Amino acid sequence: MRRPAALILLAMALPGRAADPCAELPKPSVTIKQLETPLALNTTYSYRSLTNLGSAQARPGQQVLGLTRGNATVRFTSNTPAIVDASQRWECASPQIVLTYGFSPMTVYVAREFPPGSCAHKEIHEHEMRHVQAYRTHQAELEKTLADTLNARFATGAPWRGPAGQSMARLQDELNERWLPYVQRELRKVDTAQALIDTSEEYERVANACDGEIAKRLQTNK
C-alpha cells in the first residue's frame, strides 16, 4: 500500500515545478523575401563598348549588340529576443531571421547604333528580355529551396541555449560565413540558363534580322 501513496505524492509535486522561462520566447523563424526590382533600359553605349562589357560571356569574334546585367544581391537581417538567467551566465535566444534576395539592379543595354523604334532595336531588346525572364524565373524558383534549407537549420522549434551575450554574435558569424555565400552560389546558377539563350543559332538569327539591317549597320561602323 505504501508504493501507490509515494506515486501519488510525486504526481502532486510535479505541477509545482518551476516553468522554463525560455518557453516565453517565440519560436525561431525564417522569412524569405524576394527583391522586386524595376528594370532599367540603357541605350547610351556603343556596340563596341558593350562587347568589352560582355567579353566574359561573348564568344570570340562576336559583337555584343545587347546585354542584360542583374547583380546578385543577398541581405540577412535578424531580431533575436533573449532571456538571461538569474546568474547572468546563461541565456536562451530565439533567432528571427529575414532573408532578402534577388537580382538588383537589373539593366538591359541595347547598343546606341540601334535606336528605339527601329526594327533592330526591337529584335535586340526582345532577345535581352529573354535574359530578364531567366533572371526572374530563377529567382522565383529558388525561394522554396532557400526556405526549406534555412528552415531546416534555424526553425527548429526550440530556442538556442548558451553562454550569456554570445547568441547574437554566433548567429551573425554563421550567417556571414556560411549562409551568405550559400545564397550567392545559388543565385549564380542562373548563368547556366543564360548560356542556353546565347546560342550561335540565336546570335545569327538576330544579326540577320530586319532584312539584314543589323548586319549592314555593323559593316558600316567597322
N, C-alpha and C. Protein backbone atom coordinates (compact mmCIF):
# COMPACT_ATOMS: atom_id res chain seq x y z
N MET A 1 0.82 -1.20 0.00
CA MET A 1 0.00 0.00 0.00
C MET A 1 0.86 1.26 0.00
N ARG A 2 2.12 1.20 0.50
CA ARG A 2 2.96 2.39 0.55
C ARG A 2 3.34 2.87 -0.86
N ARG A 3 3.65 1.94 -1.80
CA ARG A 3 4.15 2.34 -3.10
C ARG A 3 3.15 3.23 -3.85
N PRO A 4 1.86 2.91 -3.90
CA PRO A 4 0.92 3.81 -4.56
C PRO A 4 0.88 5.17 -3.92
N ALA A 5 1.01 5.27 -2.59
CA ALA A 5 0.98 6.55 -1.91
C ALA A 5 2.16 7.41 -2.35
N ALA A 6 3.35 6.81 -2.50
CA ALA A 6 4.52 7.56 -2.93
C ALA A 6 4.32 8.09 -4.34
N LEU A 7 3.71 7.30 -5.21
CA LEU A 7 3.46 7.73 -6.57
C LEU A 7 2.50 8.91 -6.61
N ILE A 8 1.52 8.89 -5.76
CA ILE A 8 0.55 9.98 -5.70
C ILE A 8 1.24 11.26 -5.25
N LEU A 9 2.11 11.17 -4.24
CA LEU A 9 2.82 12.35 -3.75
C LEU A 9 3.71 12.94 -4.83
N LEU A 10 4.36 12.08 -5.61
CA LEU A 10 5.23 12.55 -6.67
C LEU A 10 4.42 13.26 -7.74
N ALA A 11 3.32 12.67 -8.12
CA ALA A 11 2.46 13.26 -9.14
C ALA A 11 1.93 14.60 -8.68
N MET A 12 1.65 14.75 -7.42
CA MET A 12 1.13 16.02 -6.90
C MET A 12 2.23 17.08 -6.88
N ALA A 13 3.48 16.62 -6.73
CA ALA A 13 4.57 17.59 -6.65
C ALA A 13 4.97 18.13 -8.02
N LEU A 14 4.74 17.38 -9.10
CA LEU A 14 5.18 17.79 -10.42
C LEU A 14 4.62 19.12 -10.88
N PRO A 15 3.33 19.39 -10.72
CA PRO A 15 2.81 20.67 -11.19
C PRO A 15 3.47 21.87 -10.51
N GLY A 16 4.06 21.67 -9.35
CA GLY A 16 4.66 22.77 -8.64
C GLY A 16 6.06 23.14 -9.12
N ARG A 17 6.65 22.38 -10.09
CA ARG A 17 8.00 22.66 -10.58
C ARG A 17 8.02 23.99 -11.33
N ALA A 18 9.16 24.68 -11.27
CA ALA A 18 9.28 25.99 -11.94
C ALA A 18 9.17 25.82 -13.44
N ALA A 19 8.44 26.73 -14.12
CA ALA A 19 8.29 26.69 -15.56
C ALA A 19 9.59 27.14 -16.23
N ASP A 20 9.84 26.64 -17.41
CA ASP A 20 11.03 27.02 -18.16
C ASP A 20 10.83 28.43 -18.70
N PRO A 21 11.64 29.41 -18.28
CA PRO A 21 11.45 30.78 -18.76
C PRO A 21 11.68 30.91 -20.27
N CYS A 22 12.45 30.00 -20.85
CA CYS A 22 12.69 30.06 -22.30
C CYS A 22 11.42 29.84 -23.10
N ALA A 23 10.42 29.21 -22.48
CA ALA A 23 9.16 28.96 -23.18
C ALA A 23 8.42 30.26 -23.49
N GLU A 24 8.81 31.36 -22.85
CA GLU A 24 8.17 32.64 -23.11
C GLU A 24 8.60 33.24 -24.45
N LEU A 25 9.70 32.76 -24.99
CA LEU A 25 10.21 33.31 -26.25
C LEU A 25 9.40 32.77 -27.44
N PRO A 26 9.30 33.55 -28.51
CA PRO A 26 8.69 33.00 -29.74
C PRO A 26 9.60 31.92 -30.31
N LYS A 27 9.04 31.06 -31.12
CA LYS A 27 9.85 30.04 -31.76
C LYS A 27 10.76 30.67 -32.80
N PRO A 28 11.96 30.13 -33.02
CA PRO A 28 12.82 30.64 -34.08
C PRO A 28 12.11 30.58 -35.43
N SER A 29 12.37 31.55 -36.29
CA SER A 29 11.67 31.61 -37.57
C SER A 29 12.57 32.14 -38.67
N VAL A 30 12.19 31.81 -39.91
CA VAL A 30 12.87 32.32 -41.10
C VAL A 30 11.82 32.87 -42.04
N THR A 31 12.02 34.09 -42.51
CA THR A 31 11.14 34.71 -43.50
C THR A 31 11.95 34.98 -44.76
N ILE A 32 11.41 34.61 -45.91
CA ILE A 32 12.09 34.80 -47.19
C ILE A 32 11.36 35.88 -47.98
N LYS A 33 12.13 36.86 -48.47
CA LYS A 33 11.55 37.93 -49.29
C LYS A 33 12.34 38.06 -50.59
N GLN A 34 11.62 38.14 -51.70
CA GLN A 34 12.25 38.38 -52.99
C GLN A 34 12.29 39.87 -53.29
N LEU A 35 13.41 40.32 -53.83
CA LEU A 35 13.51 41.71 -54.25
C LEU A 35 12.63 41.94 -55.48
N GLU A 36 11.91 43.03 -55.46
CA GLU A 36 11.13 43.44 -56.63
C GLU A 36 11.86 44.62 -57.25
N THR A 37 12.59 44.34 -58.32
CA THR A 37 13.48 45.33 -58.89
C THR A 37 12.94 45.87 -60.21
N PRO A 38 12.77 47.18 -60.34
CA PRO A 38 12.37 47.73 -61.63
C PRO A 38 13.48 47.54 -62.65
N LEU A 39 13.08 47.34 -63.89
CA LEU A 39 14.04 47.09 -64.96
C LEU A 39 14.42 48.42 -65.62
N ALA A 40 15.73 48.65 -65.75
CA ALA A 40 16.23 49.87 -66.40
C ALA A 40 16.69 49.54 -67.82
N LEU A 41 16.51 50.50 -68.74
CA LEU A 41 16.97 50.37 -70.12
C LEU A 41 18.05 51.41 -70.37
N ASN A 42 19.20 50.97 -70.89
CA ASN A 42 20.31 51.87 -71.17
C ASN A 42 20.67 51.76 -72.66
N THR A 43 20.59 52.86 -73.38
CA THR A 43 20.91 52.87 -74.81
C THR A 43 22.06 53.83 -75.11
N THR A 44 22.92 54.10 -74.15
CA THR A 44 23.98 55.09 -74.33
C THR A 44 25.31 54.48 -74.78
N TYR A 45 25.46 53.16 -74.69
CA TYR A 45 26.73 52.53 -75.04
C TYR A 45 26.74 52.10 -76.50
N SER A 46 27.90 52.20 -77.12
CA SER A 46 28.07 51.67 -78.47
C SER A 46 28.21 50.15 -78.40
N TYR A 47 28.05 49.49 -79.54
CA TYR A 47 28.19 48.03 -79.50
C TYR A 47 29.63 47.63 -79.19
N ARG A 48 30.59 48.49 -79.52
CA ARG A 48 31.98 48.18 -79.15
C ARG A 48 32.16 48.20 -77.64
N SER A 49 31.54 49.18 -76.99
CA SER A 49 31.62 49.25 -75.52
C SER A 49 30.92 48.06 -74.89
N LEU A 50 29.76 47.68 -75.44
CA LEU A 50 29.04 46.53 -74.90
C LEU A 50 29.83 45.24 -75.11
N THR A 51 30.55 45.17 -76.23
CA THR A 51 31.38 43.99 -76.48
C THR A 51 32.47 43.87 -75.41
N ASN A 52 33.02 45.00 -75.01
CA ASN A 52 34.01 44.98 -73.93
C ASN A 52 33.37 44.61 -72.60
N LEU A 53 32.18 45.19 -72.32
CA LEU A 53 31.50 44.89 -71.06
C LEU A 53 31.10 43.43 -70.96
N GLY A 54 30.69 42.87 -72.08
CA GLY A 54 30.20 41.49 -72.08
C GLY A 54 31.20 40.48 -72.58
N SER A 55 32.48 40.83 -72.52
CA SER A 55 33.51 39.95 -73.09
C SER A 55 33.57 38.59 -72.42
N ALA A 56 33.22 38.54 -71.15
CA ALA A 56 33.30 37.26 -70.42
C ALA A 56 32.26 36.27 -70.94
N GLN A 57 31.11 36.77 -71.44
CA GLN A 57 30.06 35.90 -71.91
C GLN A 57 30.09 35.69 -73.42
N ALA A 58 30.66 36.64 -74.17
CA ALA A 58 30.62 36.58 -75.64
C ALA A 58 31.59 35.53 -76.18
N ARG A 59 31.21 34.92 -77.30
CA ARG A 59 32.12 34.02 -77.99
C ARG A 59 33.15 34.84 -78.76
N PRO A 60 34.34 34.29 -78.95
CA PRO A 60 35.38 35.03 -79.69
C PRO A 60 34.88 35.48 -81.05
N GLY A 61 35.13 36.74 -81.38
CA GLY A 61 34.74 37.27 -82.68
C GLY A 61 33.33 37.81 -82.74
N GLN A 62 32.53 37.61 -81.71
CA GLN A 62 31.15 38.10 -81.70
C GLN A 62 31.09 39.55 -81.24
N GLN A 63 30.19 40.30 -81.85
CA GLN A 63 29.91 41.65 -81.40
C GLN A 63 28.69 41.59 -80.48
N VAL A 64 28.76 42.26 -79.35
CA VAL A 64 27.65 42.28 -78.40
C VAL A 64 26.76 43.47 -78.72
N LEU A 65 25.56 43.18 -79.19
CA LEU A 65 24.61 44.23 -79.59
C LEU A 65 23.71 44.64 -78.44
N GLY A 66 23.50 43.71 -77.52
CA GLY A 66 22.68 43.98 -76.34
C GLY A 66 23.21 43.17 -75.17
N LEU A 67 22.89 43.61 -73.98
CA LEU A 67 23.44 42.96 -72.78
C LEU A 67 22.45 43.14 -71.64
N THR A 68 22.32 42.12 -70.82
CA THR A 68 21.47 42.21 -69.63
C THR A 68 22.31 41.89 -68.41
N ARG A 69 22.24 42.76 -67.44
CA ARG A 69 23.01 42.55 -66.21
C ARG A 69 22.09 42.60 -65.00
N GLY A 70 22.17 41.55 -64.19
CA GLY A 70 21.46 41.52 -62.92
C GLY A 70 22.46 41.22 -61.81
N ASN A 71 22.56 42.10 -60.85
CA ASN A 71 23.54 41.93 -59.77
C ASN A 71 22.94 41.08 -58.65
N ALA A 72 23.58 39.95 -58.36
CA ALA A 72 23.10 39.07 -57.29
C ALA A 72 23.21 39.78 -55.95
N THR A 73 22.08 39.95 -55.28
CA THR A 73 22.02 40.69 -54.02
C THR A 73 21.43 39.82 -52.93
N VAL A 74 22.12 39.76 -51.79
CA VAL A 74 21.67 38.94 -50.66
C VAL A 74 21.80 39.78 -49.39
N ARG A 75 20.74 39.78 -48.59
CA ARG A 75 20.78 40.54 -47.33
C ARG A 75 20.07 39.75 -46.23
N PHE A 76 20.79 39.52 -45.14
CA PHE A 76 20.20 38.90 -43.96
C PHE A 76 20.01 39.96 -42.88
N THR A 77 18.85 39.98 -42.28
CA THR A 77 18.62 40.77 -41.08
C THR A 77 18.05 39.83 -40.01
N SER A 78 18.25 40.20 -38.75
CA SER A 78 17.76 39.33 -37.69
C SER A 78 17.38 40.14 -36.46
N ASN A 79 16.39 39.62 -35.76
CA ASN A 79 15.98 40.13 -34.46
C ASN A 79 16.00 38.93 -33.53
N THR A 80 16.76 39.01 -32.45
CA THR A 80 16.96 37.82 -31.61
C THR A 80 16.60 38.12 -30.16
N PRO A 81 15.31 38.00 -29.79
CA PRO A 81 14.95 38.18 -28.39
C PRO A 81 15.62 37.11 -27.53
N ALA A 82 16.03 37.51 -26.32
CA ALA A 82 16.76 36.58 -25.45
C ALA A 82 16.33 36.78 -23.99
N ILE A 83 16.50 35.73 -23.22
CA ILE A 83 16.26 35.77 -21.77
C ILE A 83 17.52 35.27 -21.08
N VAL A 84 18.04 36.07 -20.14
CA VAL A 84 19.24 35.70 -19.39
C VAL A 84 18.82 35.20 -18.02
N ASP A 85 19.44 34.11 -17.56
CA ASP A 85 19.04 33.54 -16.28
C ASP A 85 19.53 34.42 -15.12
N ALA A 86 19.07 34.10 -13.93
CA ALA A 86 19.36 34.93 -12.75
C ALA A 86 20.85 35.04 -12.46
N SER A 87 21.62 34.05 -12.83
CA SER A 87 23.06 34.09 -12.56
C SER A 87 23.81 34.96 -13.56
N GLN A 88 23.13 35.38 -14.62
CA GLN A 88 23.73 36.18 -15.69
C GLN A 88 24.80 35.42 -16.47
N ARG A 89 24.80 34.11 -16.32
CA ARG A 89 25.82 33.31 -17.01
C ARG A 89 25.27 32.65 -18.27
N TRP A 90 23.98 32.37 -18.30
CA TRP A 90 23.39 31.62 -19.41
C TRP A 90 22.22 32.39 -20.00
N GLU A 91 21.93 32.09 -21.25
CA GLU A 91 20.78 32.72 -21.89
C GLU A 91 20.12 31.75 -22.86
N CYS A 92 18.88 32.02 -23.14
CA CYS A 92 18.21 31.36 -24.26
C CYS A 92 17.78 32.46 -25.22
N ALA A 93 17.90 32.19 -26.52
CA ALA A 93 17.63 33.20 -27.54
C ALA A 93 16.88 32.56 -28.69
N SER A 94 16.08 33.37 -29.39
CA SER A 94 15.26 32.85 -30.48
C SER A 94 15.48 33.67 -31.75
N PRO A 95 16.31 33.19 -32.67
CA PRO A 95 16.60 33.94 -33.89
C PRO A 95 15.35 34.12 -34.76
N GLN A 96 15.08 35.36 -35.15
CA GLN A 96 14.01 35.69 -36.09
C GLN A 96 14.71 36.26 -37.32
N ILE A 97 14.87 35.44 -38.34
CA ILE A 97 15.74 35.76 -39.47
C ILE A 97 14.91 36.15 -40.69
N VAL A 98 15.35 37.20 -41.37
CA VAL A 98 14.73 37.61 -42.64
C VAL A 98 15.81 37.60 -43.71
N LEU A 99 15.58 36.84 -44.77
CA LEU A 99 16.46 36.83 -45.94
C LEU A 99 15.78 37.57 -47.08
N THR A 100 16.47 38.57 -47.61
CA THR A 100 16.01 39.27 -48.80
C THR A 100 17.03 39.01 -49.90
N TYR A 101 16.57 38.57 -51.06
CA TYR A 101 17.50 38.19 -52.12
C TYR A 101 16.91 38.50 -53.49
N GLY A 102 17.77 38.51 -54.49
CA GLY A 102 17.31 38.72 -55.86
C GLY A 102 18.42 39.29 -56.71
N PHE A 103 18.04 39.87 -57.84
CA PHE A 103 18.98 40.48 -58.77
C PHE A 103 18.68 41.97 -58.85
N SER A 104 19.57 42.76 -58.27
CA SER A 104 19.32 44.20 -58.22
C SER A 104 20.65 44.95 -58.13
N PRO A 105 20.87 45.96 -59.01
CA PRO A 105 19.94 46.41 -60.06
C PRO A 105 19.93 45.46 -61.24
N MET A 106 18.93 45.61 -62.10
CA MET A 106 18.84 44.85 -63.34
C MET A 106 18.69 45.83 -64.49
N THR A 107 19.59 45.73 -65.46
CA THR A 107 19.62 46.69 -66.56
C THR A 107 19.75 45.96 -67.89
N VAL A 108 18.95 46.39 -68.85
CA VAL A 108 19.06 45.93 -70.23
C VAL A 108 19.78 47.01 -71.03
N TYR A 109 20.83 46.62 -71.73
CA TYR A 109 21.57 47.53 -72.61
C TYR A 109 21.28 47.15 -74.06
N VAL A 110 20.97 48.15 -74.89
CA VAL A 110 20.88 47.96 -76.34
C VAL A 110 21.81 49.00 -76.97
N ALA A 111 22.66 48.54 -77.87
CA ALA A 111 23.65 49.43 -78.47
C ALA A 111 22.99 50.65 -79.10
N ARG A 112 23.64 51.81 -78.94
CA ARG A 112 23.06 53.07 -79.41
C ARG A 112 22.96 53.15 -80.93
N GLU A 113 23.70 52.27 -81.63
CA GLU A 113 23.60 52.25 -83.10
C GLU A 113 22.23 51.78 -83.57
N PHE A 114 21.43 51.21 -82.63
CA PHE A 114 20.10 50.68 -82.98
C PHE A 114 19.06 51.40 -82.13
N PRO A 115 18.62 52.58 -82.54
CA PRO A 115 17.77 53.44 -81.70
C PRO A 115 16.38 52.87 -81.49
N PRO A 116 15.73 53.24 -80.37
CA PRO A 116 14.35 52.80 -80.12
C PRO A 116 13.45 53.17 -81.29
N GLY A 117 12.56 52.24 -81.61
CA GLY A 117 11.66 52.44 -82.75
C GLY A 117 12.12 51.71 -83.99
N SER A 118 13.39 51.36 -84.04
CA SER A 118 13.90 50.64 -85.21
C SER A 118 13.63 49.15 -85.05
N CYS A 119 13.57 48.47 -86.19
CA CYS A 119 13.37 47.01 -86.17
C CYS A 119 14.52 46.33 -85.43
N ALA A 120 15.74 46.83 -85.65
CA ALA A 120 16.91 46.22 -85.00
C ALA A 120 16.82 46.33 -83.48
N HIS A 121 16.43 47.52 -83.00
CA HIS A 121 16.28 47.71 -81.55
C HIS A 121 15.26 46.72 -81.00
N LYS A 122 14.15 46.57 -81.69
CA LYS A 122 13.10 45.65 -81.23
C LYS A 122 13.63 44.22 -81.13
N GLU A 123 14.35 43.77 -82.14
CA GLU A 123 14.87 42.40 -82.13
C GLU A 123 15.87 42.19 -80.99
N ILE A 124 16.77 43.14 -80.84
CA ILE A 124 17.79 43.02 -79.79
C ILE A 124 17.14 43.09 -78.42
N HIS A 125 16.21 44.02 -78.24
CA HIS A 125 15.54 44.17 -76.95
C HIS A 125 14.75 42.91 -76.59
N GLU A 126 14.05 42.33 -77.56
CA GLU A 126 13.28 41.11 -77.29
C GLU A 126 14.20 39.96 -76.88
N HIS A 127 15.37 39.89 -77.51
CA HIS A 127 16.34 38.86 -77.10
C HIS A 127 16.78 39.10 -75.66
N GLU A 128 17.07 40.33 -75.30
CA GLU A 128 17.52 40.63 -73.94
C GLU A 128 16.43 40.38 -72.91
N MET A 129 15.18 40.55 -73.30
CA MET A 129 14.09 40.28 -72.37
C MET A 129 13.99 38.80 -72.02
N ARG A 130 14.51 37.95 -72.89
CA ARG A 130 14.58 36.52 -72.54
C ARG A 130 15.56 36.32 -71.39
N HIS A 131 16.64 37.09 -71.39
CA HIS A 131 17.59 37.03 -70.27
C HIS A 131 16.95 37.56 -68.99
N VAL A 132 16.18 38.63 -69.12
CA VAL A 132 15.49 39.18 -67.94
C VAL A 132 14.56 38.11 -67.36
N GLN A 133 13.82 37.43 -68.22
CA GLN A 133 12.90 36.40 -67.74
C GLN A 133 13.66 35.25 -67.08
N ALA A 134 14.84 34.93 -67.59
CA ALA A 134 15.65 33.86 -66.97
C ALA A 134 16.06 34.26 -65.56
N TYR A 135 16.43 35.51 -65.37
CA TYR A 135 16.75 36.00 -64.02
C TYR A 135 15.54 35.87 -63.11
N ARG A 136 14.40 36.34 -63.58
CA ARG A 136 13.21 36.36 -62.74
C ARG A 136 12.70 34.96 -62.43
N THR A 137 12.78 34.07 -63.42
CA THR A 137 12.34 32.69 -63.19
C THR A 137 13.24 32.00 -62.16
N HIS A 138 14.54 32.18 -62.31
CA HIS A 138 15.47 31.56 -61.36
C HIS A 138 15.25 32.10 -59.96
N GLN A 139 15.05 33.39 -59.84
CA GLN A 139 14.80 34.00 -58.53
C GLN A 139 13.56 33.41 -57.88
N ALA A 140 12.49 33.27 -58.65
CA ALA A 140 11.23 32.74 -58.09
C ALA A 140 11.37 31.27 -57.71
N GLU A 141 12.01 30.49 -58.57
CA GLU A 141 12.14 29.05 -58.31
C GLU A 141 13.06 28.77 -57.13
N LEU A 142 13.94 29.69 -56.83
CA LEU A 142 14.90 29.50 -55.74
C LEU A 142 14.26 29.65 -54.36
N GLU A 143 13.13 30.31 -54.28
CA GLU A 143 12.56 30.62 -52.97
C GLU A 143 12.30 29.37 -52.13
N LYS A 144 11.72 28.34 -52.72
CA LYS A 144 11.41 27.13 -51.94
C LYS A 144 12.69 26.44 -51.46
N THR A 145 13.70 26.38 -52.31
CA THR A 145 14.96 25.75 -51.91
C THR A 145 15.57 26.48 -50.72
N LEU A 146 15.59 27.81 -50.79
CA LEU A 146 16.16 28.59 -49.70
C LEU A 146 15.34 28.44 -48.42
N ALA A 147 14.02 28.48 -48.57
CA ALA A 147 13.15 28.35 -47.40
C ALA A 147 13.34 26.99 -46.72
N ASP A 148 13.35 25.93 -47.51
CA ASP A 148 13.50 24.59 -46.94
C ASP A 148 14.84 24.44 -46.23
N THR A 149 15.90 24.93 -46.86
CA THR A 149 17.24 24.77 -46.29
C THR A 149 17.41 25.58 -45.01
N LEU A 150 16.99 26.84 -45.04
CA LEU A 150 17.17 27.70 -43.87
C LEU A 150 16.22 27.32 -42.73
N ASN A 151 15.02 26.91 -43.06
CA ASN A 151 14.10 26.47 -42.00
C ASN A 151 14.61 25.21 -41.32
N ALA A 152 15.20 24.30 -42.10
CA ALA A 152 15.75 23.08 -41.51
C ALA A 152 16.86 23.38 -40.51
N ARG A 153 17.59 24.48 -40.76
CA ARG A 153 18.68 24.85 -39.85
C ARG A 153 18.20 25.67 -38.66
N PHE A 154 17.31 26.64 -38.90
CA PHE A 154 17.01 27.61 -37.85
C PHE A 154 15.62 27.45 -37.21
N ALA A 155 14.63 27.05 -37.97
CA ALA A 155 13.26 26.98 -37.41
C ALA A 155 13.06 25.64 -36.73
N THR A 156 13.82 25.41 -35.68
CA THR A 156 13.85 24.11 -35.01
C THR A 156 12.75 23.96 -33.96
N GLY A 157 12.08 25.06 -33.60
CA GLY A 157 11.03 25.00 -32.59
C GLY A 157 11.53 25.25 -31.19
N ALA A 158 12.85 25.19 -30.98
CA ALA A 158 13.41 25.39 -29.64
C ALA A 158 14.40 26.54 -29.65
N PRO A 159 14.37 27.39 -28.63
CA PRO A 159 15.35 28.49 -28.54
C PRO A 159 16.77 27.95 -28.42
N TRP A 160 17.71 28.78 -28.80
CA TRP A 160 19.12 28.46 -28.60
C TRP A 160 19.46 28.67 -27.13
N ARG A 161 20.35 27.85 -26.58
CA ARG A 161 20.80 28.00 -25.20
C ARG A 161 22.32 28.02 -25.19
N GLY A 162 22.88 28.92 -24.39
CA GLY A 162 24.33 29.01 -24.34
C GLY A 162 24.78 30.11 -23.40
N PRO A 163 26.08 30.40 -23.39
CA PRO A 163 26.62 31.45 -22.52
C PRO A 163 25.97 32.81 -22.83
N ALA A 164 25.72 33.57 -21.80
CA ALA A 164 25.05 34.87 -21.94
C ALA A 164 25.86 35.80 -22.85
N GLY A 165 25.15 36.51 -23.71
CA GLY A 165 25.77 37.52 -24.56
C GLY A 165 26.43 37.00 -25.82
N GLN A 166 26.32 35.71 -26.11
CA GLN A 166 27.02 35.16 -27.27
C GLN A 166 26.11 34.76 -28.42
N SER A 167 24.82 34.69 -28.19
CA SER A 167 23.90 34.16 -29.22
C SER A 167 23.88 35.00 -30.48
N MET A 168 23.80 36.33 -30.32
CA MET A 168 23.71 37.19 -31.50
C MET A 168 24.99 37.16 -32.31
N ALA A 169 26.14 37.17 -31.65
CA ALA A 169 27.42 37.10 -32.37
C ALA A 169 27.56 35.76 -33.08
N ARG A 170 27.16 34.70 -32.42
CA ARG A 170 27.22 33.37 -33.00
C ARG A 170 26.35 33.29 -34.25
N LEU A 171 25.14 33.87 -34.17
CA LEU A 171 24.23 33.86 -35.31
C LEU A 171 24.81 34.67 -36.47
N GLN A 172 25.32 35.87 -36.18
CA GLN A 172 25.83 36.73 -37.24
C GLN A 172 27.02 36.09 -37.94
N ASP A 173 27.89 35.45 -37.18
CA ASP A 173 29.03 34.76 -37.78
C ASP A 173 28.57 33.65 -38.72
N GLU A 174 27.59 32.89 -38.29
CA GLU A 174 27.11 31.79 -39.13
C GLU A 174 26.45 32.31 -40.40
N LEU A 175 25.66 33.37 -40.27
CA LEU A 175 25.01 33.94 -41.47
C LEU A 175 26.06 34.44 -42.45
N ASN A 176 27.06 35.14 -41.96
CA ASN A 176 28.07 35.73 -42.85
C ASN A 176 28.99 34.68 -43.46
N GLU A 177 29.38 33.70 -42.68
CA GLU A 177 30.40 32.76 -43.14
C GLU A 177 29.82 31.56 -43.89
N ARG A 178 28.60 31.18 -43.58
CA ARG A 178 28.03 30.00 -44.22
C ARG A 178 26.88 30.32 -45.15
N TRP A 179 25.92 31.08 -44.67
CA TRP A 179 24.66 31.20 -45.42
C TRP A 179 24.68 32.30 -46.47
N LEU A 180 25.40 33.38 -46.25
CA LEU A 180 25.52 34.40 -47.29
C LEU A 180 26.21 33.84 -48.53
N PRO A 181 27.37 33.17 -48.41
CA PRO A 181 27.98 32.56 -49.60
C PRO A 181 27.09 31.50 -50.25
N TYR A 182 26.36 30.76 -49.43
CA TYR A 182 25.47 29.73 -49.98
C TYR A 182 24.41 30.33 -50.89
N VAL A 183 23.75 31.39 -50.44
CA VAL A 183 22.70 32.01 -51.27
C VAL A 183 23.31 32.63 -52.52
N GLN A 184 24.47 33.23 -52.39
CA GLN A 184 25.14 33.80 -53.56
C GLN A 184 25.46 32.73 -54.59
N ARG A 185 25.90 31.57 -54.15
CA ARG A 185 26.17 30.47 -55.08
C ARG A 185 24.90 30.02 -55.79
N GLU A 186 23.81 29.94 -55.04
CA GLU A 186 22.54 29.52 -55.64
C GLU A 186 22.07 30.54 -56.69
N LEU A 187 22.26 31.81 -56.42
CA LEU A 187 21.87 32.83 -57.39
C LEU A 187 22.72 32.74 -58.65
N ARG A 188 24.00 32.47 -58.51
CA ARG A 188 24.89 32.41 -59.68
C ARG A 188 24.59 31.23 -60.60
N LYS A 189 23.82 30.28 -60.14
CA LYS A 189 23.44 29.16 -61.00
C LYS A 189 22.58 29.61 -62.18
N VAL A 190 22.09 30.85 -62.13
CA VAL A 190 21.33 31.40 -63.26
C VAL A 190 22.19 31.46 -64.52
N ASP A 191 23.51 31.49 -64.37
CA ASP A 191 24.39 31.58 -65.53
C ASP A 191 24.18 30.43 -66.50
N THR A 192 23.80 29.27 -65.99
CA THR A 192 23.56 28.12 -66.86
C THR A 192 22.38 28.39 -67.79
N ALA A 193 21.29 28.93 -67.23
CA ALA A 193 20.11 29.24 -68.05
C ALA A 193 20.43 30.36 -69.03
N GLN A 194 21.24 31.33 -68.63
CA GLN A 194 21.58 32.43 -69.52
C GLN A 194 22.39 31.93 -70.72
N ALA A 195 23.30 31.00 -70.48
CA ALA A 195 24.14 30.49 -71.56
C ALA A 195 23.31 29.75 -72.61
N LEU A 196 22.22 29.13 -72.18
CA LEU A 196 21.37 28.40 -73.13
C LEU A 196 20.64 29.33 -74.08
N ILE A 197 20.50 30.58 -73.71
CA ILE A 197 19.82 31.57 -74.58
C ILE A 197 20.76 32.05 -75.67
N ASP A 198 22.04 32.23 -75.32
CA ASP A 198 23.01 32.81 -76.26
C ASP A 198 23.69 31.74 -77.11
N THR A 199 22.90 31.04 -77.90
CA THR A 199 23.47 30.03 -78.79
C THR A 199 23.98 30.70 -80.07
N SER A 200 24.81 30.00 -80.80
CA SER A 200 25.29 30.51 -82.09
C SER A 200 24.14 30.75 -83.04
N GLU A 201 23.14 29.85 -83.00
CA GLU A 201 21.99 29.99 -83.87
C GLU A 201 21.19 31.25 -83.55
N GLU A 202 21.03 31.54 -82.27
CA GLU A 202 20.29 32.73 -81.87
C GLU A 202 21.05 33.99 -82.26
N TYR A 203 22.36 33.96 -82.11
CA TYR A 203 23.16 35.12 -82.49
C TYR A 203 23.01 35.39 -83.99
N GLU A 204 23.07 34.34 -84.81
CA GLU A 204 22.93 34.51 -86.25
C GLU A 204 21.54 35.02 -86.61
N ARG A 205 20.53 34.51 -85.90
CA ARG A 205 19.16 34.94 -86.19
C ARG A 205 19.00 36.44 -85.95
N VAL A 206 19.49 36.91 -84.81
CA VAL A 206 19.36 38.33 -84.50
C VAL A 206 20.20 39.17 -85.45
N ALA A 207 21.42 38.73 -85.71
CA ALA A 207 22.32 39.51 -86.56
C ALA A 207 21.77 39.67 -87.97
N ASN A 208 20.99 38.72 -88.44
CA ASN A 208 20.46 38.76 -89.80
C ASN A 208 18.99 39.16 -89.86
N ALA A 209 18.45 39.60 -88.74
CA ALA A 209 17.04 40.02 -88.71
C ALA A 209 16.86 41.35 -89.41
N CYS A 210 15.58 41.72 -89.60
CA CYS A 210 15.22 43.04 -90.15
C CYS A 210 15.84 43.25 -91.54
N ASP A 211 15.73 42.21 -92.38
CA ASP A 211 16.25 42.30 -93.74
C ASP A 211 17.72 42.72 -93.77
N GLY A 212 18.48 42.22 -92.80
CA GLY A 212 19.91 42.49 -92.79
C GLY A 212 20.29 43.85 -92.24
N GLU A 213 19.33 44.57 -91.61
CA GLU A 213 19.62 45.92 -91.09
C GLU A 213 20.77 45.90 -90.09
N ILE A 214 20.77 44.91 -89.21
CA ILE A 214 21.80 44.86 -88.17
C ILE A 214 23.16 44.58 -88.78
N ALA A 215 23.22 43.59 -89.67
CA ALA A 215 24.49 43.25 -90.31
C ALA A 215 25.04 44.43 -91.11
N LYS A 216 24.15 45.15 -91.80
CA LYS A 216 24.59 46.31 -92.59
C LYS A 216 25.15 47.40 -91.68
N ARG A 217 24.50 47.64 -90.54
CA ARG A 217 24.95 48.67 -89.63
C ARG A 217 26.33 48.31 -89.05
N LEU A 218 26.52 47.04 -88.77
CA LEU A 218 27.82 46.62 -88.26
C LEU A 218 28.91 46.79 -89.31
N GLN A 219 28.56 46.52 -90.56
CA GLN A 219 29.53 46.68 -91.65
C GLN A 219 29.89 48.15 -91.81
N THR A 220 28.89 49.03 -91.71
CA THR A 220 29.10 50.47 -91.87
C THR A 220 30.01 51.03 -90.81
N ASN A 221 29.91 50.46 -89.58
CA ASN A 221 30.64 51.00 -88.45
C ASN A 221 31.98 50.32 -88.21
N LYS A 222 32.40 49.51 -89.15
CA LYS A 222 33.71 48.85 -88.96
C LYS A 222 34.84 49.86 -89.05
